[in-house]
Protein backbone atom coordinates (compact mmCIF):
# COMPACT_ATOMS: atom_id res chain seq x y z
CA MET A 1 -1.93 -0.87 28.94
CA ARG A 2 -2.74 -4.71 27.97
CA ARG A 3 -1.29 -6.11 24.98
CA ASN A 4 -4.19 -6.29 22.91
CA ALA A 5 -4.38 -2.01 23.42
CA SER A 6 -1.06 -0.79 22.80
CA GLY A 7 -2.26 2.50 21.12
CA ILE A 8 -0.14 1.54 18.10
CA SER A 9 -1.34 1.91 14.91
CA CYS A 10 0.62 1.93 12.10
CA LEU A 11 1.99 0.19 8.65
CA VAL A 12 6.08 -1.30 8.71
CA ALA A 13 7.68 -2.54 5.86
CA ILE A 14 9.79 -5.16 6.84
CA ASP A 15 13.03 -6.64 5.14
CA LYS A 16 12.15 -10.58 5.42
CA PRO A 17 14.87 -12.61 6.25
CA ALA A 18 14.82 -16.06 4.17
CA GLY A 19 14.16 -19.38 6.33
CA MET A 20 11.18 -17.71 7.94
CA THR A 21 7.36 -17.64 6.97
CA SER A 22 5.21 -14.42 6.50
CA HIS A 23 3.58 -15.44 9.67
CA ASP A 24 6.69 -15.76 11.60
CA VAL A 25 7.21 -12.58 11.24
CA VAL A 26 3.93 -10.96 12.37
CA ALA A 27 4.60 -13.26 15.31
CA HIS A 28 7.95 -11.76 15.82
CA VAL A 29 6.70 -8.33 15.45
CA ARG A 30 3.98 -8.95 18.12
CA ARG A 31 6.57 -9.56 20.38
CA ALA A 32 8.93 -6.50 19.59
CA VAL A 33 6.09 -3.94 19.72
CA GLY A 34 3.68 -5.36 22.51
CA GLU A 35 0.56 -5.42 20.01
CA ARG A 36 -1.49 -8.64 19.53
CA ARG A 37 -3.26 -7.21 16.25
CA VAL A 38 -0.43 -7.71 13.57
CA GLY A 39 -1.04 -8.80 10.06
CA HIS A 40 0.78 -8.84 6.95
CA ALA A 41 -0.04 -8.12 3.06
CA GLY A 42 1.42 -10.25 0.18
CA THR A 43 2.59 -13.70 1.49
CA LEU A 44 6.40 -14.34 0.89
CA ASP A 45 7.58 -17.85 0.53
CA PRO A 46 10.00 -18.97 3.25
CA LEU A 47 13.06 -19.11 1.21
CA ALA A 48 12.72 -15.72 -0.18
CA THR A 49 13.41 -12.42 1.30
CA GLY A 50 12.51 -8.60 0.80
CA LEU A 51 9.61 -6.25 1.38
CA LEU A 52 6.85 -7.90 3.42
CA VAL A 53 4.17 -4.81 4.49
CA VAL A 54 2.68 -5.28 8.13
CA GLY A 55 0.12 -3.63 9.73
CA ILE A 56 -0.10 -3.18 13.53
CA GLY A 57 -3.15 -2.39 15.44
CA PRO A 58 -6.23 -1.18 13.96
CA ALA A 59 -4.11 -0.25 10.78
CA THR A 60 -4.51 -4.07 9.81
CA ARG A 61 -7.83 -2.99 8.37
CA LEU A 62 -6.09 -1.22 5.70
CA LEU A 63 -3.99 -4.02 4.52
CA GLY A 64 -6.60 -5.12 2.32
CA MET A 65 -6.91 -1.54 0.68
CA LEU A 66 -3.12 -1.00 -0.05
CA SER A 67 -2.04 -0.58 -3.65
CA LEU A 68 0.37 -3.59 -4.08
CA SER A 69 -1.14 -5.23 -7.26
CA GLU A 70 2.15 -4.62 -9.04
CA LYS A 71 5.55 -6.02 -7.28
CA ARG A 72 9.07 -5.86 -8.60
CA TYR A 73 11.40 -9.09 -7.94
CA GLU A 74 15.09 -10.53 -7.86
CA ALA A 75 15.44 -13.71 -8.85
CA CYS A 76 17.83 -16.52 -9.59
CA ILE A 77 16.77 -19.01 -11.76
CA CYS A 78 18.72 -22.50 -12.35
CA PHE A 79 18.51 -24.53 -15.26
CA GLY A 80 18.82 -28.37 -15.41
CA LYS A 81 16.17 -29.54 -13.36
CA GLU A 82 13.09 -29.26 -11.86
CA THR A 83 11.89 -29.63 -8.16
CA THR A 84 8.61 -30.70 -6.15
CA THR A 85 8.19 -27.14 -4.96
CA ASP A 86 9.74 -25.33 -7.95
CA ASP A 87 12.35 -24.05 -5.53
CA ARG A 88 15.43 -25.03 -3.99
CA ALA A 89 13.63 -26.30 -1.05
CA GLY A 90 12.01 -29.41 -2.90
CA ASP A 91 13.40 -32.62 -3.95
CA THR A 92 14.64 -33.19 -7.59
CA SER A 93 11.69 -33.99 -9.71
CA ARG A 94 13.28 -34.45 -13.40
CA VAL A 95 16.51 -33.95 -14.91
CA ALA A 96 17.61 -32.35 -18.36
CA SER A 97 19.99 -30.80 -20.44
CA VAL A 98 21.06 -27.63 -20.72
CA PRO A 99 21.55 -26.09 -23.97
CA GLN A 100 24.49 -23.96 -24.05
CA GLU A 101 22.68 -20.95 -25.66
CA LEU A 102 21.26 -20.35 -22.42
CA LEU A 103 24.88 -18.94 -21.77
CA ASN A 104 24.27 -16.24 -24.47
CA GLU A 105 23.40 -12.90 -22.83
CA ASN A 106 21.44 -11.83 -25.63
CA PHE A 107 19.76 -15.25 -26.21
CA ALA A 108 18.93 -14.90 -22.37
CA SER A 109 17.55 -11.42 -22.78
CA GLU A 110 15.55 -12.00 -25.80
CA ALA A 111 14.20 -15.10 -24.15
CA LEU A 112 12.85 -12.93 -21.14
CA GLY A 113 11.62 -10.32 -23.06
CA ALA A 114 9.24 -12.65 -24.81
CA LEU A 115 7.86 -13.23 -21.37
CA VAL A 116 6.10 -9.93 -20.94
CA GLY A 117 2.35 -10.26 -21.44
CA LYS A 118 -0.52 -11.65 -20.31
CA HIS A 119 -0.69 -15.14 -19.31
CA ASN A 120 -2.45 -18.29 -17.60
CA GLN A 121 0.23 -19.46 -15.11
CA VAL A 122 -0.33 -23.00 -13.21
CA PRO A 123 0.41 -22.13 -9.68
CA PRO A 124 2.82 -24.68 -7.63
CA ALA A 125 1.55 -27.60 -6.22
CA TYR A 126 3.21 -26.56 -3.32
CA SER A 127 1.34 -23.13 -2.60
CA ALA A 128 -0.77 -21.69 0.03
CA ILE A 129 -4.00 -22.06 -2.38
CA SER A 130 -7.19 -23.44 -0.72
CA ILE A 131 -8.69 -26.47 -2.24
CA GLU A 132 -11.87 -27.54 -0.83
CA GLY A 133 -10.84 -26.05 2.90
CA ARG A 134 -7.26 -27.22 2.75
CA ARG A 135 -4.04 -25.77 1.71
CA ALA A 136 -2.66 -27.03 -1.66
CA TYR A 137 0.87 -27.49 0.10
CA ALA A 138 -0.47 -29.67 3.24
CA ARG A 139 -2.26 -32.04 0.31
CA ALA A 140 1.16 -32.37 -1.55
CA ARG A 141 2.97 -33.22 1.39
CA ALA A 142 0.45 -35.79 2.41
CA GLY A 143 1.15 -37.48 -0.78
CA GLU A 144 -2.04 -36.35 -2.83
CA ARG A 145 -1.96 -35.45 -6.41
CA VAL A 146 -2.50 -31.48 -6.53
CA VAL A 147 -3.71 -30.03 -9.85
CA LEU A 148 -4.33 -26.45 -9.83
CA ALA A 149 -6.19 -24.12 -12.39
CA PRO A 150 -4.51 -21.85 -14.62
CA ARG A 151 -4.65 -18.56 -13.37
CA PRO A 152 -4.69 -14.91 -15.09
CA ILE A 153 -1.33 -13.02 -14.64
CA GLN A 154 0.79 -10.36 -16.31
CA ILE A 155 4.38 -9.77 -16.50
CA TYR A 156 5.00 -6.16 -17.40
CA ASP A 157 8.84 -6.26 -17.42
CA ALA A 158 11.46 -9.10 -17.41
CA ARG A 159 14.89 -8.56 -17.93
CA LEU A 160 18.80 -10.37 -17.62
CA LEU A 161 21.03 -9.08 -14.50
CA ALA A 162 23.59 -11.59 -14.99
CA LEU A 163 24.52 -15.27 -15.82
CA ASP A 164 26.86 -17.63 -14.77
CA LYS A 165 27.69 -21.62 -15.26
CA GLN A 166 27.90 -23.12 -12.07
CA PRO A 167 30.52 -26.29 -11.57
CA ASP A 168 27.97 -29.01 -12.20
CA GLY A 169 27.12 -27.58 -15.35
CA SER A 170 23.94 -26.01 -14.43
CA ILE A 171 23.39 -22.58 -15.39
CA VAL A 172 21.81 -19.46 -13.44
CA TRP A 173 19.90 -16.47 -14.53
CA ARG A 174 19.82 -13.80 -12.10
CA CYS A 175 16.74 -11.90 -13.39
CA GLU A 176 14.60 -9.02 -12.66
CA PHE A 177 10.96 -9.28 -12.73
CA SER A 178 8.13 -6.83 -12.75
CA VAL A 179 4.29 -8.86 -12.51
CA SER A 180 0.70 -8.85 -11.30
CA LYS A 181 -0.63 -9.46 -7.97
CA GLY A 182 -0.85 -13.42 -7.81
CA THR A 183 2.15 -14.26 -9.90
CA TYR A 184 4.56 -17.02 -8.78
CA ILE A 185 8.38 -16.75 -9.49
CA ARG A 186 8.30 -20.47 -9.03
CA SER A 187 6.24 -21.01 -11.60
CA LEU A 188 7.67 -18.76 -14.24
CA ALA A 189 10.96 -20.43 -13.30
CA ARG A 190 9.66 -23.80 -14.05
CA ASP A 191 7.88 -22.87 -17.45
CA LEU A 192 10.57 -20.98 -18.86
CA GLY A 193 12.90 -24.30 -18.37
CA ARG A 194 10.29 -26.30 -20.23
CA LYS A 195 9.62 -23.26 -22.95
CA LEU A 196 13.68 -23.60 -23.45
CA GLN A 197 13.79 -27.50 -24.11
CA SER A 198 15.16 -27.69 -20.58
CA ALA A 199 14.36 -27.92 -17.11
CA ALA A 200 14.58 -24.83 -14.24
CA TYR A 201 13.74 -24.18 -10.49
CA LEU A 202 13.81 -20.79 -8.41
CA LEU A 203 17.07 -20.72 -6.55
CA SER A 204 16.70 -17.45 -4.63
CA LEU A 205 13.62 -14.71 -4.94
CA ARG A 206 13.86 -11.08 -3.28
CA ARG A 207 10.66 -8.78 -3.48
CA ILE A 208 12.20 -5.19 -3.95
CA ALA A 209 9.21 -3.23 -4.44
CA ALA A 210 5.41 -3.49 -4.04
CA GLY A 211 3.17 -0.62 -5.67
CA SER A 212 4.84 2.69 -4.37
CA LEU A 213 6.62 0.89 -1.48
CA SER A 214 10.37 -0.45 -2.26
CA LEU A 215 13.43 -1.84 -0.05
CA ASP A 216 14.10 1.94 1.17
CA ALA A 217 11.19 2.05 3.20
CA CYS A 218 12.02 -1.38 5.27
CA VAL A 219 13.58 -1.97 8.11
CA PRO A 220 15.11 -5.14 9.38
CA LEU A 221 13.54 -7.40 11.41
CA ALA A 222 16.13 -7.89 13.58
CA LYS A 223 16.48 -4.20 14.06
CA LEU A 224 12.76 -3.64 15.20
CA GLU A 225 13.13 -6.74 17.65
CA ALA A 226 16.15 -5.02 19.43
CA LYS A 227 14.62 -1.41 19.54
CA GLY A 228 10.81 -2.28 20.05
CA ALA A 229 7.95 -0.12 20.02
CA PRO A 230 10.11 3.28 20.15
CA LEU A 231 11.44 2.60 16.51
CA LEU A 232 8.07 2.73 14.77
CA PRO A 233 7.55 6.42 14.21
CA CYS A 234 10.87 6.69 12.47
CA CYS A 235 10.24 3.85 10.26
CA CYS A 236 6.74 3.12 9.77
CA VAL A 237 5.29 3.52 6.13
CA ASP A 238 3.30 6.34 4.80
CA PRO A 239 -0.42 4.77 4.75
CA ALA A 240 -1.63 7.63 2.33
CA GLN A 241 1.21 6.31 -0.26
CA ALA A 242 0.95 2.65 0.36
CA ALA A 243 -3.03 3.14 -0.26
CA GLY A 244 -2.31 4.95 -3.40
CA LEU A 245 -5.52 7.00 -3.10
CA PRO A 246 -5.88 11.08 -3.89
CA VAL A 247 -5.65 12.91 -0.31
CA ARG A 248 -8.34 14.80 1.22
CA LEU A 249 -7.13 17.19 3.82
CA LEU A 250 -9.41 17.58 6.92
CA ASP A 251 -9.90 20.60 9.15
CA ALA A 252 -10.90 20.14 12.69
CA ALA A 253 -14.47 20.35 12.14
CA GLU A 254 -14.62 17.64 9.33
CA LEU A 255 -12.21 15.53 11.77
CA SER A 256 -14.92 15.38 14.30
CA PHE A 257 -17.48 14.20 11.73
CA ALA A 258 -14.95 11.65 10.05
CA VAL A 259 -13.91 9.69 13.50
CA CYS A 260 -17.54 9.05 13.54
CA GLY A 261 -18.04 7.95 10.08
CA LYS A 262 -20.73 10.59 9.23
CA ARG A 263 -20.66 12.51 5.76
CA ILE A 264 -18.47 15.32 4.80
CA SER A 265 -18.57 17.14 1.67
CA ALA A 266 -16.28 16.45 -1.41
CA GLY A 267 -13.94 19.28 -1.17
CA ARG A 268 -10.93 19.00 -2.87
CA VAL A 269 -8.04 15.98 -3.18
CA ALA A 270 -4.60 15.89 -4.60
CA ASP A 271 -3.21 12.97 -6.36
CA PRO A 272 0.09 11.72 -4.96
CA ALA A 273 1.93 10.14 -7.84
CA ALA A 274 1.08 13.51 -9.88
CA GLU A 275 4.24 15.54 -10.33
CA ARG A 276 2.54 19.10 -9.18
CA ARG A 277 -0.08 18.06 -6.40
CA CYS A 278 -2.91 20.13 -7.99
CA ALA A 279 -6.31 20.18 -5.83
CA ARG A 280 -8.97 18.93 -7.64
CA THR A 281 -12.69 17.46 -7.17
CA PRO A 282 -12.90 13.69 -6.49
CA ARG A 283 -14.58 11.95 -9.35
CA ASP A 284 -18.00 9.94 -8.31
CA HIS A 285 -17.28 6.70 -6.86
CA GLU A 286 -13.59 7.48 -6.10
CA GLN A 287 -12.11 6.83 -2.85
CA VAL A 288 -9.74 9.10 -1.08
CA CYS A 289 -7.70 9.05 2.04
CA LEU A 290 -9.02 11.32 4.61
CA VAL A 291 -6.07 12.77 6.50
CA PHE A 292 -5.44 15.53 9.30
CA GLU A 293 -2.19 16.64 10.58
CA ASP A 294 0.22 13.53 10.36
CA ARG A 295 -2.64 10.80 10.36
CA LEU A 296 -5.09 8.90 8.05
CA TYR A 297 -8.60 8.72 9.63
CA GLY A 298 -10.28 6.86 6.81
CA ILE A 299 -11.17 6.33 2.96
CA TRP A 300 -14.29 7.54 2.15
CA GLU A 301 -15.77 7.07 -1.40
CA ALA A 302 -17.32 10.51 -3.57
CA ARG A 303 -20.95 10.17 -3.81
CA GLN A 304 -22.81 12.70 -5.16
CA GLU A 305 -23.99 13.90 -1.77
CA GLY A 306 -20.43 14.58 -0.40
CA LEU A 307 -17.93 11.72 0.93
CA VAL A 308 -19.31 8.75 2.47
CA CYS A 309 -17.23 6.01 4.66
CA LYS A 310 -15.84 2.98 3.50
CA VAL A 311 -13.62 2.44 6.79
CA ASN A 312 -12.47 4.65 9.48
CA PHE A 313 -9.68 4.71 11.84
CA PRO A 314 -11.15 7.03 14.80
CA GLY A 315 -7.85 7.08 16.49
CA GLY A 316 -6.07 7.60 13.21
CA VAL A 317 -3.26 5.70 11.40
CA SER A 318 -0.14 7.41 11.97
CA GLY A 319 3.02 7.94 9.63
CA VAL A 320 1.35 10.69 7.06
CA ARG A 321 3.99 12.51 5.33
CA GLN A 322 3.10 15.74 3.56
């Protein structure tokens, strides 16, 4: 079978190691499973580790439809200086004194708690945001002055896990953040340092959850490379759960219509997040996952005339667990 027709169609959560770009992870997965069509959702910086959702085969078309808007991170913020990249990869751009109150756990907890809410955040100059067709980081590396417009973000939760004083006098807060999509934790660290009359940068970052997925769902990249495609059936992510949409179970007759993208009756759906999966009628314009046995065959939208196709997967996306 050709490399671009492996027959694989699934989502996998990779525990990304430090030192690799998200695109590097995609390249490694391609080689490991023998499939060219591989993509990822939600970029992680090279120094960051943790959950990275990867789509393989036709399932790559599902990546933009996943419910990954809320993300959770463990971050170490180091006070005492700023860097050009807002993390430890950059050169020192500013040094500031570190108030001793930053070693007080109650003060730290209150300062983090005050971050909860909606903000307009300026992204890092060294980011993948496109400016007139060129990435911001490429312009910054070329010596250009990069000025990015603030973007709306939301911090749902921010709490202190631990704090420590380093031998050089700097202070490190280990924190946990729950934030909206598009939030830069590097910028959050930078702005927190300024707000506390000091300076700060991001020392380390680990994504521990995205949407309904957590590190428990992850497979180490090295393990996937060692085992290859035969490992996928036992480690792939439930695509219906990742989409975060109600599930509409199909019968064999309806499946024949769905794989062709034809309209089917509204039927009854079940909410995956509900404690009791009670069946109900889909709401007007609500999107639902079409499932037959252990595969997702598409995402349809409820209309007055029934369910109509938004995106279909004639071969199905594997990994559904009912």
